């Protein structure tokens, strides 16, 4: 039985689960440094995978804590924020990247090994991440479906939980309108369904015992 083409409901990760995905990537070689930086950026910025893989080094401002997405979905440019959970990994990766002799013309997140049909500095295929994340999830003991877009879901859910205004979340995610963002958040968190059920009396409180 195949799940090809089947759509599943979003399963945002907790902050601890997202961090665990990064932590199970061991070592200080180029591959490990790149992958930690890439996952950290996806989680802490909420950018789409295609947007992340199209970034150039100049698109990331570590001092400002920002990522410039050029020609994102809908051919729109935007700036998304990142925090220290991403900047540290990005700074380390950029240092390793420079040591490989790579320059600003190559993608920020690029191939790092030579070999048959391989060349350092080439663009990564999104399929690489789709294959990598379930393996990392298994090593981290995460039973949820873990996939690249799930890190975007995780970021959106965290912003909502922290009380970020809808307009700010919309801008961070690169949505065309807050209506799109509102619908997106409802699908990601299920909060509208839960709130409706609680209002209907579907409570978690234990009913008083009767004799």
C-alpha atoms as a PDB file:
ATOM      1  CA  UNK A   1       0.000   0.000   0.000  1.00  0.00           C
ATOM      2  CA  UNK A   2       1.347   3.398  -0.937  1.00  0.00           C
ATOM      3  CA  UNK A   3       0.751   6.842   0.561  1.00  0.00           C
ATOM      4  CA  UNK A   4       1.762   8.631  -2.643  1.00  0.00           C
ATOM      5  CA  UNK A   5      -0.519  11.598  -3.248  1.00  0.00           C
ATOM      6  CA  UNK A   6      -2.263  11.203   0.086  1.00  0.00           C
ATOM      7  CA  UNK A   7      -2.521  14.267   2.295  1.00  0.00           C
ATOM      8  CA  UNK A   8      -2.147  13.937   6.057  1.00  0.00           C
ATOM      9  CA  UNK A   9      -3.081  16.501   8.709  1.00  0.00           C
ATOM     10  CA  UNK A  10      -0.170  18.653   9.932  1.00  0.00           C
ATOM     11  CA  UNK A  11       1.782  17.429  12.957  1.00  0.00           C
ATOM     12  CA  UNK A  12       3.795  20.347  14.347  1.00  0.00           C
ATOM     13  CA  UNK A  13       6.759  19.351  16.472  1.00  0.00           C
ATOM     14  CA  UNK A  14       7.381  20.636  19.953  1.00  0.00           C
ATOM     15  CA  UNK A  15      10.431  22.824  20.477  1.00  0.00           C
ATOM     16  CA  UNK A  16      12.179  19.910  22.186  1.00  0.00           C
ATOM     17  CA  UNK A  17      11.442  17.600  19.253  1.00  0.00           C
ATOM     18  CA  UNK A  18      12.696  20.121  16.702  1.00  0.00           C
ATOM     19  CA  UNK A  19      15.871  20.626  18.734  1.00  0.00           C
ATOM     20  CA  UNK A  20      16.313  16.856  18.995  1.00  0.00           C
ATOM     21  CA  UNK A  21      16.370  16.575  15.199  1.00  0.00           C
ATOM     22  CA  UNK A  22      19.332  18.932  15.144  1.00  0.00           C
ATOM     23  CA  UNK A  23      21.062  17.344  18.125  1.00  0.00           C
ATOM     24  CA  UNK A  24      21.141  13.834  16.606  1.00  0.00           C
ATOM     25  CA  UNK A  25      23.289  15.155  13.757  1.00  0.00           C
ATOM     26  CA  UNK A  26      26.709  14.407  15.195  1.00  0.00           C
ATOM     27  CA  UNK A  27      30.166  15.505  14.160  1.00  0.00           C
ATOM     28  CA  UNK A  28      31.896  18.652  12.952  1.00  0.00           C
ATOM     29  CA  UNK A  29      32.391  17.734   9.309  1.00  0.00           C
ATOM     30  CA  UNK A  30      30.924  19.820   6.470  1.00  0.00           C
ATOM     31  CA  UNK A  31      27.900  17.551   6.004  1.00  0.00           C
ATOM     32  CA  UNK A  32      26.891  17.662   9.669  1.00  0.00           C
ATOM     33  CA  UNK A  33      27.508  21.407   9.972  1.00  0.00           C
ATOM     34  CA  UNK A  34      25.486  22.132   6.846  1.00  0.00           C
ATOM     35  CA  UNK A  35      22.570  19.927   7.850  1.00  0.00           C
ATOM     36  CA  UNK A  36      22.331  21.379  11.356  1.00  0.00           C
ATOM     37  CA  UNK A  37      22.339  24.906   9.925  1.00  0.00           C
ATOM     38  CA  UNK A  38      19.720  24.046   7.317  1.00  0.00           C
ATOM     39  CA  UNK A  39      17.317  22.435   9.788  1.00  0.00           C
ATOM     40  CA  UNK A  40      17.821  25.281  12.256  1.00  0.00           C
ATOM     41  CA  UNK A  41      17.011  27.851   9.593  1.00  0.00           C
ATOM     42  CA  UNK A  42      13.885  25.997   8.411  1.00  0.00           C
ATOM     43  CA  UNK A  43      12.634  25.689  11.984  1.00  0.00           C
ATOM     44  CA  UNK A  44      13.455  29.187  13.206  1.00  0.00           C
ATOM     45  CA  UNK A  45      12.428  31.125  10.090  1.00  0.00           C
ATOM     46  CA  UNK A  46       9.501  29.146   8.716  1.00  0.00           C
ATOM     47  CA  UNK A  47      10.701  29.624   5.137  1.00  0.00           C
ATOM     48  CA  UNK A  48       9.644  27.068   2.570  1.00  0.00           C
ATOM     49  CA  UNK A  49      12.158  24.391   1.610  1.00  0.00           C
ATOM     50  CA  UNK A  50      12.409  25.727  -1.932  1.00  0.00           C
ATOM     51  CA  UNK A  51      13.114  29.200  -0.529  1.00  0.00           C
ATOM     52  CA  UNK A  52      15.804  27.928   1.830  1.00  0.00           C
ATOM     53  CA  UNK A  53      17.593  25.989  -0.898  1.00  0.00           C
ATOM     54  CA  UNK A  54      17.561  29.062  -3.174  1.00  0.00           C
ATOM     55  CA  UNK A  55      19.312  31.280  -0.615  1.00  0.00           C
ATOM     56  CA  UNK A  56      22.753  32.731  -1.242  1.00  0.00           C
ATOM     57  CA  UNK A  57      25.104  33.684   1.625  1.00  0.00           C
ATOM     58  CA  UNK A  58      24.340  37.388   1.085  1.00  0.00           C
ATOM     59  CA  UNK A  59      20.649  36.708   1.800  1.00  0.00           C
ATOM     60  CA  UNK A  60      21.378  35.985   5.463  1.00  0.00           C
ATOM     61  CA  UNK A  61      22.239  38.814   7.854  1.00  0.00           C
ATOM     62  CA  UNK A  62      23.408  37.206  11.085  1.00  0.00           C
ATOM     63  CA  UNK A  63      23.928  40.489  12.921  1.00  0.00           C
ATOM     64  CA  UNK A  64      20.403  41.617  12.155  1.00  0.00           C
ATOM     65  CA  UNK A  65      18.942  38.116  12.475  1.00  0.00           C
ATOM     66  CA  UNK A  66      17.185  38.159   9.125  1.00  0.00           C
ATOM     67  CA  UNK A  67      16.736  36.067   5.998  1.00  0.00           C
ATOM     68  CA  UNK A  68      15.949  37.734   2.692  1.00  0.00           C
ATOM     69  CA  UNK A  69      13.751  35.573   0.476  1.00  0.00           C
ATOM     70  CA  UNK A  70      13.924  36.647  -3.155  1.00  0.00           C
ATOM     71  CA  UNK A  71      11.242  35.551  -5.578  1.00  0.00           C
ATOM     72  CA  UNK A  72       9.374  33.419  -3.057  1.00  0.00           C
ATOM     73  CA  UNK A  73       6.002  31.813  -3.658  1.00  0.00           C
ATOM     74  CA  UNK A  74       3.909  34.101  -5.836  1.00  0.00           C
ATOM     75  CA  UNK A  75       7.185  35.710  -6.991  1.00  0.00           C
ATOM     76  CA  UNK A  76       7.210  37.940  -3.941  1.00  0.00           C
ATOM     77  CA  UNK A  77      10.229  39.078  -1.929  1.00  0.00           C
ATOM     78  CA  UNK A  78      10.214  39.307   1.858  1.00  0.00           C
ATOM     79  CA  UNK A  79      12.395  39.355   4.950  1.00  0.00           C
ATOM     80  CA  UNK A  80      11.896  36.749   7.674  1.00  0.00           C
ATOM     81  CA  UNK A  81      13.412  36.857  11.148  1.00  0.00           C
ATOM     82  CA  UNK A  82      15.622  34.231  12.760  1.00  0.00           C
ATOM     83  CA  UNK A  83      16.948  33.930  16.300  1.00  0.00           C
ATOM     84  CA  UNK A  84      20.021  32.664  18.098  1.00  0.00           C
ATOM     85  CA  UNK A  85      18.956  29.028  17.696  1.00  0.00           C
ATOM     86  CA  UNK A  86      19.630  29.478  13.987  1.00  0.00           C
ATOM     87  CA  UNK A  87      22.361  32.128  13.836  1.00  0.00           C
ATOM     88  CA  UNK A  88      24.874  30.057  15.782  1.00  0.00           C
ATOM     89  CA  UNK A  89      24.569  27.093  13.419  1.00  0.00           C
ATOM     90  CA  UNK A  90      24.599  29.365  10.376  1.00  0.00           C
ATOM     91  CA  UNK A  91      27.726  31.175  11.537  1.00  0.00           C
ATOM     92  CA  UNK A  92      29.516  27.857  12.064  1.00  0.00           C
ATOM     93  CA  UNK A  93      28.420  26.549   8.668  1.00  0.00           C
ATOM     94  CA  UNK A  94      29.497  29.708   6.858  1.00  0.00           C
ATOM     95  CA  UNK A  95      32.984  29.343   8.330  1.00  0.00           C
ATOM     96  CA  UNK A  96      33.202  25.719   7.174  1.00  0.00           C
ATOM     97  CA  UNK A  97      31.704  26.650   3.817  1.00  0.00           C
ATOM     98  CA  UNK A  98      34.399  29.278   3.245  1.00  0.00           C
ATOM     99  CA  UNK A  99      37.026  26.693   4.097  1.00  0.00           C
ATOM    100  CA  UNK A 100      35.735  24.544   1.248  1.00  0.00           C
ATOM    101  CA  UNK A 101      36.568  27.342  -1.164  1.00  0.00           C
ATOM    102  CA  UNK A 102      32.937  28.177  -1.893  1.00  0.00           C
ATOM    103  CA  UNK A 103      31.920  31.715  -2.751  1.00  0.00           C
ATOM    104  CA  UNK A 104      28.766  33.792  -2.780  1.00  0.00           C
ATOM    105  CA  UNK A 105      27.652  32.606  -6.188  1.00  0.00           C
ATOM    106  CA  UNK A 106      26.900  29.109  -4.988  1.00  0.00           C
ATOM    107  CA  UNK A 107      23.784  28.342  -2.903  1.00  0.00           C
ATOM    108  CA  UNK A 108      24.125  28.846   0.835  1.00  0.00           C
ATOM    109  CA  UNK A 109      23.192  25.204   1.388  1.00  0.00           C
ATOM    110  CA  UNK A 110      25.034  23.223  -1.261  1.00  0.00           C
ATOM    111  CA  UNK A 111      26.664  19.865  -1.838  1.00  0.00           C
ATOM    112  CA  UNK A 112      29.871  19.303   0.094  1.00  0.00           C
ATOM    113  CA  UNK A 113      31.348  16.090  -1.310  1.00  0.00           C
ATOM    114  CA  UNK A 114      33.037  15.049  -4.532  1.00  0.00           C
ATOM    115  CA  UNK A 115      32.449  11.733  -6.182  1.00  0.00           C
ATOM    116  CA  UNK A 116      30.685  10.087  -9.109  1.00  0.00           C
ATOM    117  CA  UNK A 117      28.039  12.519 -10.410  1.00  0.00           C
ATOM    118  CA  UNK A 118      28.777  14.830  -7.468  1.00  0.00           C
ATOM    119  CA  UNK A 119      30.429  18.223  -7.260  1.00  0.00           C
ATOM    120  CA  UNK A 120      31.005  20.566  -4.323  1.00  0.00           C
ATOM    121  CA  UNK A 121      28.883  23.697  -4.446  1.00  0.00           C
ATOM    122  CA  UNK A 122      25.890  22.402  -6.363  1.00  0.00           C
ATOM    123  CA  UNK A 123      22.281  23.030  -5.324  1.00  0.00           C
ATOM    124  CA  UNK A 124      20.653  20.500  -3.012  1.00  0.00           C
ATOM    125  CA  UNK A 125      17.650  18.529  -4.182  1.00  0.00           C
ATOM    126  CA  UNK A 126      14.602  18.837  -1.880  1.00  0.00           C
ATOM    127  CA  UNK A 127      14.295  15.054  -2.075  1.00  0.00           C
ATOM    128  CA  UNK A 128      17.468  14.832   0.003  1.00  0.00           C
ATOM    129  CA  UNK A 129      15.701  16.482   2.942  1.00  0.00           C
ATOM    130  CA  UNK A 130      12.561  14.391   2.496  1.00  0.00           C
ATOM    131  CA  UNK A 131      14.703  11.291   2.891  1.00  0.00           C
ATOM    132  CA  UNK A 132      16.903  12.671   5.674  1.00  0.00           C
ATOM    133  CA  UNK A 133      14.266  13.900   8.130  1.00  0.00           C
ATOM    134  CA  UNK A 134      12.473  10.582   8.767  1.00  0.00           C
ATOM    135  CA  UNK A 135      15.867   9.002   9.491  1.00  0.00           C
ATOM    136  CA  UNK A 136      16.740  11.746  11.956  1.00  0.00           C
ATOM    137  CA  UNK A 137      13.299  11.447  13.557  1.00  0.00           C
ATOM    138  CA  UNK A 138      13.800   7.720  14.094  1.00  0.00           C
ATOM    139  CA  UNK A 139      17.180   8.350  15.717  1.00  0.00           C
ATOM    140  CA  UNK A 140      15.651  11.058  17.913  1.00  0.00           C
ATOM    141  CA  UNK A 141      12.774   8.803  18.974  1.00  0.00           C
ATOM    142  CA  UNK A 142      10.103  11.023  17.412  1.00  0.00           C
ATOM    143  CA  UNK A 143       7.025   9.046  16.361  1.00  0.00           C
ATOM    144  CA  UNK A 144       5.372  11.840  14.366  1.00  0.00           C
ATOM    145  CA  UNK A 145       5.578  12.160  10.610  1.00  0.00           C
ATOM    146  CA  UNK A 146       8.583  14.418  10.162  1.00  0.00           C
ATOM    147  CA  UNK A 147       9.099  16.135   6.826  1.00  0.00           C
ATOM    148  CA  UNK A 148      10.590  19.454   5.641  1.00  0.00           C
ATOM    149  CA  UNK A 149       7.309  21.400   5.499  1.00  0.00           C
ATOM    150  CA  UNK A 150       6.570  20.200   9.024  1.00  0.00           C
ATOM    151  CA  UNK A 151       9.280  22.544  10.304  1.00  0.00           C
ATOM    152  CA  UNK A 152       7.319  25.428   8.773  1.00  0.00           C
ATOM    153  CA  UNK A 153       4.202  24.147  10.562  1.00  0.00           C
ATOM    154  CA  UNK A 154       6.207  23.980  13.777  1.00  0.00           C
ATOM    155  CA  UNK A 155       7.374  27.575  13.405  1.00  0.00           C
ATOM    156  CA  UNK A 156       3.854  28.837  12.678  1.00  0.00           C
ATOM    157  CA  UNK A 157       2.375  26.989  15.662  1.00  0.00           C
ATOM    158  CA  UNK A 158       5.048  28.412  17.973  1.00  0.00           C
ATOM    159  CA  UNK A 159       4.383  31.969  16.812  1.00  0.00           C
ATOM    160  CA  UNK A 160       0.680  31.508  17.491  1.00  0.00           C
ATOM    161  CA  UNK A 161       1.335  30.041  20.939  1.00  0.00           C
ATOM    162  CA  UNK A 162       3.576  32.998  21.778  1.00  0.00           C
ATOM    163  CA  UNK A 163       0.814  35.424  20.893  1.00  0.00           C
ATOM    164  CA  UNK A 164       2.386  36.946  17.787  1.00  0.00           C
ATOM    165  CA  UNK A 165      -0.116  39.138  15.873  1.00  0.00           C
ATOM    166  CA  UNK A 166      -1.698  37.511  12.840  1.00  0.00           C
ATOM    167  CA  UNK A 167      -0.207  40.148  10.539  1.00  0.00           C
ATOM    168  CA  UNK A 168       3.310  39.427  11.833  1.00  0.00           C
ATOM    169  CA  UNK A 169       2.870  35.673  11.342  1.00  0.00           C
ATOM    170  CA  UNK A 170       1.539  36.312   7.840  1.00  0.00           C
ATOM    171  CA  UNK A 171       4.583  38.413   6.945  1.00  0.00           C
ATOM    172  CA  UNK A 172       7.005  35.913   8.437  1.00  0.00           C
ATOM    173  CA  UNK A 173       5.512  33.037   6.459  1.00  0.00           C
ATOM    174  CA  UNK A 174       5.160  35.005   3.242  1.00  0.00           C
ATOM    175  CA  UNK A 175       1.401  34.659   2.876  1.00  0.00           C
ATOM    176  CA  UNK A 176      -0.536  36.938   0.549  1.00  0.00           C
ATOM    177  CA  UNK A 177      -3.089  37.880   3.227  1.00  0.00           C
ATOM    178  CA  UNK A 178      -3.960  37.341   6.877  1.00  0.00           C
ATOM    179  CA  UNK A 179      -7.001  35.344   5.705  1.00  0.00           C
ATOM    180  CA  UNK A 180      -4.618  32.806   4.201  1.00  0.00           C
ATOM    181  CA  UNK A 181      -2.623  32.762   7.434  1.00  0.00           C
ATOM    182  CA  UNK A 182      -5.700  32.310   9.591  1.00  0.00           C
ATOM    183  CA  UNK A 183      -6.820  29.322   7.518  1.00  0.00           C
ATOM    184  CA  UNK A 184      -3.277  27.937   7.571  1.00  0.00           C
ATOM    185  CA  UNK A 185      -3.017  28.194  11.358  1.00  0.00           C
ATOM    186  CA  UNK A 186      -6.377  26.517  11.857  1.00  0.00           C
ATOM    187  CA  UNK A 187      -5.188  23.546   9.805  1.00  0.00           C
ATOM    188  CA  UNK A 188      -1.822  23.410  11.566  1.00  0.00           C
ATOM    189  CA  UNK A 189      -3.055  23.699  15.160  1.00  0.00           C
ATOM    190  CA  UNK A 190      -6.662  22.563  15.037  1.00  0.00           C
ATOM    191  CA  UNK A 191      -7.418  25.284  17.591  1.00  0.00           C
ATOM    192  CA  UNK A 192     -10.735  26.228  15.993  1.00  0.00           C
ATOM    193  CA  UNK A 193     -12.037  22.679  16.293  1.00  0.00           C
ATOM    194  CA  UNK A 194     -10.823  22.322  19.866  1.00  0.00           C
ATOM    195  CA  UNK A 195     -12.305  25.668  20.912  1.00  0.00           C
ATOM    196  CA  UNK A 196     -15.647  24.770  19.360  1.00  0.00           C
ATOM    197  CA  UNK A 197     -15.764  21.411  21.071  1.00  0.00           C
ATOM    198  CA  UNK A 198     -14.876  22.898  24.462  1.00  0.00           C
ATOM    199  CA  UNK A 199     -17.596  25.527  24.013  1.00  0.00           C
ATOM    200  CA  UNK A 200     -20.012  22.695  23.276  1.00  0.00           C
ATOM    201  CA  UNK A 201     -19.216  21.184  26.660  1.00  0.00           C
ATOM    202  CA  UNK A 202     -16.701  18.570  25.535  1.00  0.00           C
ATOM    203  CA  UNK A 203     -14.610  19.207  28.607  1.00  0.00           C
ATOM    204  CA  UNK A 204     -11.464  17.629  30.006  1.00  0.00           C
ATOM    205  CA  UNK A 205     -12.702  18.060  33.551  1.00  0.00           C
ATOM    206  CA  UNK A 206     -13.807  14.938  35.336  1.00  0.00           C
ATOM    207  CA  UNK A 207     -17.525  14.725  35.843  1.00  0.00           C
ATOM    208  CA  UNK A 208     -18.744  14.698  39.422  1.00  0.00           C
ATOM    209  CA  UNK A 209     -19.227  11.174  40.660  1.00  0.00           C
ATOM    210  CA  UNK A 210     -22.784  10.079  41.262  1.00  0.00           C
ATOM    211  CA  UNK A 211     -23.956   7.430  43.669  1.00  0.00           C
END
